[in-house]
């Protein structure tokens, strides 16, 4: 079971769930997911996401998937977050064949760079590389002496990714109808 983020196109959910293209409306997304109620026993939940006309979320093993619209009422972004209260092994979240969540950040950055992507170093637990935004949920803070900051950030892994409609990193092409040209 892998959630695949498809640059310039959308998201491929674990089979037999469908692939969802950027540009779909809420009714189309609901219609595509409706036949798979047995795989989505909690159903689709409407949720609030700032700046979105609609947002739907649903759990998969170990993760929560959120689908968000744009101002034109069409699917524009997908967010996948680890769900620590779900005891099942988490679905991998793939991007260009690389599992994005749960691996040490420095290893993930090295793997993305090995694919030829000009990925920046993570800053304060986040990494922005269009069309990806990787981040970690804040860890509990350890007390430090007043006025002192830790010298450097310790090792960490990302536990959430936001993926939006954007250029295919391989071609740079964007299809205005919602996918790679």
C-alpha atoms as a PDB file:
ATOM      1  CA  UNK A   1       0.000   0.000   0.000  1.00  0.00           C
ATOM      2  CA  UNK A   2       1.742   3.141  -1.206  1.00  0.00           C
ATOM      3  CA  UNK A   3       0.462   6.663  -1.672  1.00  0.00           C
ATOM      4  CA  UNK A   4       2.301   7.965  -4.765  1.00  0.00           C
ATOM      5  CA  UNK A   5       2.570  11.705  -5.342  1.00  0.00           C
ATOM      6  CA  UNK A   6       2.627  12.219  -9.091  1.00  0.00           C
ATOM      7  CA  UNK A   7       4.365  15.448 -10.163  1.00  0.00           C
ATOM      8  CA  UNK A   8       2.198  17.653 -12.349  1.00  0.00           C
ATOM      9  CA  UNK A   9      -0.625  15.102 -12.208  1.00  0.00           C
ATOM     10  CA  UNK A  10      -2.066  14.256  -8.776  1.00  0.00           C
ATOM     11  CA  UNK A  11      -1.977  11.290  -6.404  1.00  0.00           C
ATOM     12  CA  UNK A  12      -2.191   7.528  -6.874  1.00  0.00           C
ATOM     13  CA  UNK A  13      -3.816   5.983  -3.830  1.00  0.00           C
ATOM     14  CA  UNK A  14      -3.109   2.365  -2.844  1.00  0.00           C
ATOM     15  CA  UNK A  15      -4.855  -0.127  -5.157  1.00  0.00           C
ATOM     16  CA  UNK A  16      -7.715  -0.644  -5.652  1.00  0.00           C
ATOM     17  CA  UNK A  17      -8.355   2.994  -4.664  1.00  0.00           C
ATOM     18  CA  UNK A  18      -8.275   5.341  -7.666  1.00  0.00           C
ATOM     19  CA  UNK A  19      -5.757   7.814  -8.950  1.00  0.00           C
ATOM     20  CA  UNK A  20      -6.944  11.390  -8.410  1.00  0.00           C
ATOM     21  CA  UNK A  21      -5.912  14.055 -10.918  1.00  0.00           C
ATOM     22  CA  UNK A  22      -5.449  17.652  -9.969  1.00  0.00           C
ATOM     23  CA  UNK A  23      -8.399  19.647 -11.266  1.00  0.00           C
ATOM     24  CA  UNK A  24     -11.169  17.287 -10.146  1.00  0.00           C
ATOM     25  CA  UNK A  25     -14.152  18.818  -8.368  1.00  0.00           C
ATOM     26  CA  UNK A  26     -15.411  17.690  -4.962  1.00  0.00           C
ATOM     27  CA  UNK A  27     -18.320  15.707  -6.446  1.00  0.00           C
ATOM     28  CA  UNK A  28     -15.930  13.898  -8.823  1.00  0.00           C
ATOM     29  CA  UNK A  29     -13.547  13.014  -5.965  1.00  0.00           C
ATOM     30  CA  UNK A  30     -16.429  11.728  -3.848  1.00  0.00           C
ATOM     31  CA  UNK A  31     -17.798   9.690  -6.789  1.00  0.00           C
ATOM     32  CA  UNK A  32     -14.386   8.101  -7.460  1.00  0.00           C
ATOM     33  CA  UNK A  33     -13.915   7.120  -3.807  1.00  0.00           C
ATOM     34  CA  UNK A  34     -17.540   6.070  -3.091  1.00  0.00           C
ATOM     35  CA  UNK A  35     -17.220   2.491  -4.446  1.00  0.00           C
ATOM     36  CA  UNK A  36     -14.357   1.828  -2.007  1.00  0.00           C
ATOM     37  CA  UNK A  37     -16.228   2.195   1.267  1.00  0.00           C
ATOM     38  CA  UNK A  38     -14.801  -1.085   2.595  1.00  0.00           C
ATOM     39  CA  UNK A  39     -11.277   0.375   2.331  1.00  0.00           C
ATOM     40  CA  UNK A  40     -12.393   3.689   3.836  1.00  0.00           C
ATOM     41  CA  UNK A  41     -14.544   2.496   6.751  1.00  0.00           C
ATOM     42  CA  UNK A  42     -14.481   5.934   8.382  1.00  0.00           C
ATOM     43  CA  UNK A  43     -15.591   7.468   5.087  1.00  0.00           C
ATOM     44  CA  UNK A  44     -14.609  10.885   3.768  1.00  0.00           C
ATOM     45  CA  UNK A  45     -14.700  13.639   6.354  1.00  0.00           C
ATOM     46  CA  UNK A  46     -15.187  17.254   5.388  1.00  0.00           C
ATOM     47  CA  UNK A  47     -12.509  19.245   7.177  1.00  0.00           C
ATOM     48  CA  UNK A  48     -11.408  22.861   7.409  1.00  0.00           C
ATOM     49  CA  UNK A  49      -8.222  23.937   5.653  1.00  0.00           C
ATOM     50  CA  UNK A  50      -7.580  27.667   5.506  1.00  0.00           C
ATOM     51  CA  UNK A  51      -7.861  29.063   1.977  1.00  0.00           C
ATOM     52  CA  UNK A  52      -9.669  26.027   0.559  1.00  0.00           C
ATOM     53  CA  UNK A  53     -13.245  25.961  -0.722  1.00  0.00           C
ATOM     54  CA  UNK A  54     -13.464  22.305   0.321  1.00  0.00           C
ATOM     55  CA  UNK A  55     -11.200  19.740   1.954  1.00  0.00           C
ATOM     56  CA  UNK A  56     -11.772  16.034   2.511  1.00  0.00           C
ATOM     57  CA  UNK A  57      -9.744  13.714   4.702  1.00  0.00           C
ATOM     58  CA  UNK A  58      -9.628   9.976   5.306  1.00  0.00           C
ATOM     59  CA  UNK A  59      -7.317   7.590   7.131  1.00  0.00           C
ATOM     60  CA  UNK A  60      -5.212   4.906   5.521  1.00  0.00           C
ATOM     61  CA  UNK A  61      -2.952   2.595   7.541  1.00  0.00           C
ATOM     62  CA  UNK A  62      -0.733   4.797   9.725  1.00  0.00           C
ATOM     63  CA  UNK A  63      -1.474   8.046   7.855  1.00  0.00           C
ATOM     64  CA  UNK A  64      -4.219  10.579   7.226  1.00  0.00           C
ATOM     65  CA  UNK A  65      -4.749  11.866   3.672  1.00  0.00           C
ATOM     66  CA  UNK A  66      -6.275  15.320   3.120  1.00  0.00           C
ATOM     67  CA  UNK A  67      -7.428  16.508  -0.309  1.00  0.00           C
ATOM     68  CA  UNK A  68      -7.770  20.294  -0.736  1.00  0.00           C
ATOM     69  CA  UNK A  69      -9.350  22.533  -3.352  1.00  0.00           C
ATOM     70  CA  UNK A  70      -8.379  25.888  -4.786  1.00  0.00           C
ATOM     71  CA  UNK A  71     -10.466  29.013  -5.321  1.00  0.00           C
ATOM     72  CA  UNK A  72     -11.893  27.456  -8.516  1.00  0.00           C
ATOM     73  CA  UNK A  73     -13.313  24.536  -6.509  1.00  0.00           C
ATOM     74  CA  UNK A  74     -10.949  21.920  -7.954  1.00  0.00           C
ATOM     75  CA  UNK A  75      -8.431  19.525  -6.385  1.00  0.00           C
ATOM     76  CA  UNK A  76      -5.208  21.484  -5.941  1.00  0.00           C
ATOM     77  CA  UNK A  77      -3.202  19.792  -3.168  1.00  0.00           C
ATOM     78  CA  UNK A  78      -2.770  16.596  -1.182  1.00  0.00           C
ATOM     79  CA  UNK A  79      -1.401  16.367   2.343  1.00  0.00           C
ATOM     80  CA  UNK A  80      -0.340  13.137   4.017  1.00  0.00           C
ATOM     81  CA  UNK A  81       0.523  13.050   7.720  1.00  0.00           C
ATOM     82  CA  UNK A  82       1.721  10.216   9.890  1.00  0.00           C
ATOM     83  CA  UNK A  83      -0.904   9.208  12.419  1.00  0.00           C
ATOM     84  CA  UNK A  84       0.916   8.190  15.624  1.00  0.00           C
ATOM     85  CA  UNK A  85      -2.311   6.916  17.218  1.00  0.00           C
ATOM     86  CA  UNK A  86      -2.770   4.327  14.433  1.00  0.00           C
ATOM     87  CA  UNK A  87      -0.899   1.166  15.428  1.00  0.00           C
ATOM     88  CA  UNK A  88      -0.764  -0.200  11.869  1.00  0.00           C
ATOM     89  CA  UNK A  89       2.434   0.176   9.846  1.00  0.00           C
ATOM     90  CA  UNK A  90       2.202   3.440   7.907  1.00  0.00           C
ATOM     91  CA  UNK A  91       1.623   3.481   4.160  1.00  0.00           C
ATOM     92  CA  UNK A  92       4.767   4.664   2.415  1.00  0.00           C
ATOM     93  CA  UNK A  93       4.406   8.032   0.685  1.00  0.00           C
ATOM     94  CA  UNK A  94       6.342   7.908  -2.580  1.00  0.00           C
ATOM     95  CA  UNK A  95       7.666  10.722  -4.727  1.00  0.00           C
ATOM     96  CA  UNK A  96       9.806   9.796  -7.748  1.00  0.00           C
ATOM     97  CA  UNK A  97      10.257   6.356  -6.158  1.00  0.00           C
ATOM     98  CA  UNK A  98      11.477   7.743  -2.815  1.00  0.00           C
ATOM     99  CA  UNK A  99       9.611   7.173   0.466  1.00  0.00           C
ATOM    100  CA  UNK A 100       9.289  10.664   1.986  1.00  0.00           C
ATOM    101  CA  UNK A 101       8.189  10.046   5.560  1.00  0.00           C
ATOM    102  CA  UNK A 102       9.906   8.445   8.518  1.00  0.00           C
ATOM    103  CA  UNK A 103      13.487   8.412   7.210  1.00  0.00           C
ATOM    104  CA  UNK A 104      16.263  10.611   8.593  1.00  0.00           C
ATOM    105  CA  UNK A 105      15.979  14.001   6.885  1.00  0.00           C
ATOM    106  CA  UNK A 106      19.622  14.042   5.743  1.00  0.00           C
ATOM    107  CA  UNK A 107      19.150  10.647   4.014  1.00  0.00           C
ATOM    108  CA  UNK A 108      15.961  11.834   2.336  1.00  0.00           C
ATOM    109  CA  UNK A 109      17.647  15.006   1.067  1.00  0.00           C
ATOM    110  CA  UNK A 110      20.550  12.922  -0.285  1.00  0.00           C
ATOM    111  CA  UNK A 111      18.118  10.573  -2.088  1.00  0.00           C
ATOM    112  CA  UNK A 112      16.227  13.485  -3.680  1.00  0.00           C
ATOM    113  CA  UNK A 113      19.492  15.107  -4.756  1.00  0.00           C
ATOM    114  CA  UNK A 114      20.630  11.782  -6.251  1.00  0.00           C
ATOM    115  CA  UNK A 115      17.527  12.045  -8.486  1.00  0.00           C
ATOM    116  CA  UNK A 116      18.890  15.362  -9.752  1.00  0.00           C
ATOM    117  CA  UNK A 117      16.560  17.617  -7.767  1.00  0.00           C
ATOM    118  CA  UNK A 118      18.071  20.837  -6.392  1.00  0.00           C
ATOM    119  CA  UNK A 119      16.664  20.232  -2.909  1.00  0.00           C
ATOM    120  CA  UNK A 120      17.695  22.740  -0.237  1.00  0.00           C
ATOM    121  CA  UNK A 121      18.826  21.724   3.217  1.00  0.00           C
ATOM    122  CA  UNK A 122      15.948  21.493   5.715  1.00  0.00           C
ATOM    123  CA  UNK A 123      15.451  24.603   7.841  1.00  0.00           C
ATOM    124  CA  UNK A 124      13.937  24.248  11.318  1.00  0.00           C
ATOM    125  CA  UNK A 125      12.314  20.935  10.493  1.00  0.00           C
ATOM    126  CA  UNK A 126      10.880  21.932   7.118  1.00  0.00           C
ATOM    127  CA  UNK A 127      11.901  21.487   3.510  1.00  0.00           C
ATOM    128  CA  UNK A 128      10.365  23.424   0.617  1.00  0.00           C
ATOM    129  CA  UNK A 129      10.941  22.198  -2.914  1.00  0.00           C
ATOM    130  CA  UNK A 130       8.167  23.004  -5.361  1.00  0.00           C
ATOM    131  CA  UNK A 131       5.750  21.183  -5.417  1.00  0.00           C
ATOM    132  CA  UNK A 132       6.651  19.584  -2.047  1.00  0.00           C
ATOM    133  CA  UNK A 133       6.565  20.913   1.481  1.00  0.00           C
ATOM    134  CA  UNK A 134       7.903  18.437   4.034  1.00  0.00           C
ATOM    135  CA  UNK A 135       7.734  19.126   7.734  1.00  0.00           C
ATOM    136  CA  UNK A 136       7.792  17.489  11.112  1.00  0.00           C
ATOM    137  CA  UNK A 137       5.442  17.997  13.958  1.00  0.00           C
ATOM    138  CA  UNK A 138       7.190  19.900  16.731  1.00  0.00           C
ATOM    139  CA  UNK A 139       9.062  17.716  19.176  1.00  0.00           C
ATOM    140  CA  UNK A 140       8.806  18.473  22.866  1.00  0.00           C
ATOM    141  CA  UNK A 141      11.313  21.158  23.762  1.00  0.00           C
ATOM    142  CA  UNK A 142      14.125  20.382  26.126  1.00  0.00           C
ATOM    143  CA  UNK A 143      14.839  23.062  28.643  1.00  0.00           C
ATOM    144  CA  UNK A 144      17.881  25.173  27.860  1.00  0.00           C
ATOM    145  CA  UNK A 145      19.567  27.865  29.832  1.00  0.00           C
ATOM    146  CA  UNK A 146      17.744  31.208  29.577  1.00  0.00           C
ATOM    147  CA  UNK A 147      18.801  33.125  26.474  1.00  0.00           C
ATOM    148  CA  UNK A 148      20.643  30.152  24.954  1.00  0.00           C
ATOM    149  CA  UNK A 149      19.702  28.252  21.857  1.00  0.00           C
ATOM    150  CA  UNK A 150      20.914  24.792  20.891  1.00  0.00           C
ATOM    151  CA  UNK A 151      23.993  24.974  18.675  1.00  0.00           C
ATOM    152  CA  UNK A 152      22.461  22.865  15.925  1.00  0.00           C
ATOM    153  CA  UNK A 153      19.356  20.908  15.169  1.00  0.00           C
ATOM    154  CA  UNK A 154      19.583  17.217  15.992  1.00  0.00           C
ATOM    155  CA  UNK A 155      18.678  14.420  13.594  1.00  0.00           C
ATOM    156  CA  UNK A 156      14.994  14.181  12.719  1.00  0.00           C
ATOM    157  CA  UNK A 157      12.609  12.733  10.160  1.00  0.00           C
ATOM    158  CA  UNK A 158       9.644  14.300   8.394  1.00  0.00           C
ATOM    159  CA  UNK A 159       6.196  13.091   9.366  1.00  0.00           C
ATOM    160  CA  UNK A 160       4.032  15.168   7.028  1.00  0.00           C
ATOM    161  CA  UNK A 161       4.082  16.213   3.389  1.00  0.00           C
ATOM    162  CA  UNK A 162       1.996  18.712   1.454  1.00  0.00           C
ATOM    163  CA  UNK A 163       2.039  18.236  -2.312  1.00  0.00           C
ATOM    164  CA  UNK A 164       0.397  20.701  -4.654  1.00  0.00           C
ATOM    165  CA  UNK A 165      -0.298  21.088  -8.321  1.00  0.00           C
ATOM    166  CA  UNK A 166       2.849  22.379  -9.897  1.00  0.00           C
ATOM    167  CA  UNK A 167       5.394  21.783 -12.574  1.00  0.00           C
ATOM    168  CA  UNK A 168       6.596  18.271 -13.270  1.00  0.00           C
ATOM    169  CA  UNK A 169      10.211  18.426 -11.998  1.00  0.00           C
ATOM    170  CA  UNK A 170      11.381  16.290 -14.913  1.00  0.00           C
ATOM    171  CA  UNK A 171       9.906  18.472 -17.657  1.00  0.00           C
ATOM    172  CA  UNK A 172       8.867  21.722 -15.994  1.00  0.00           C
ATOM    173  CA  UNK A 173       5.536  21.465 -17.856  1.00  0.00           C
ATOM    174  CA  UNK A 174       2.202  22.387 -16.296  1.00  0.00           C
ATOM    175  CA  UNK A 175      -1.118  21.518 -17.869  1.00  0.00           C
ATOM    176  CA  UNK A 176      -3.604  24.265 -16.935  1.00  0.00           C
ATOM    177  CA  UNK A 177      -6.380  21.641 -16.911  1.00  0.00           C
ATOM    178  CA  UNK A 178      -4.776  20.082 -13.868  1.00  0.00           C
ATOM    179  CA  UNK A 179      -1.916  17.804 -14.886  1.00  0.00           C
ATOM    180  CA  UNK A 180       1.444  17.553 -16.534  1.00  0.00           C
ATOM    181  CA  UNK A 181       1.468  18.491 -20.188  1.00  0.00           C
END
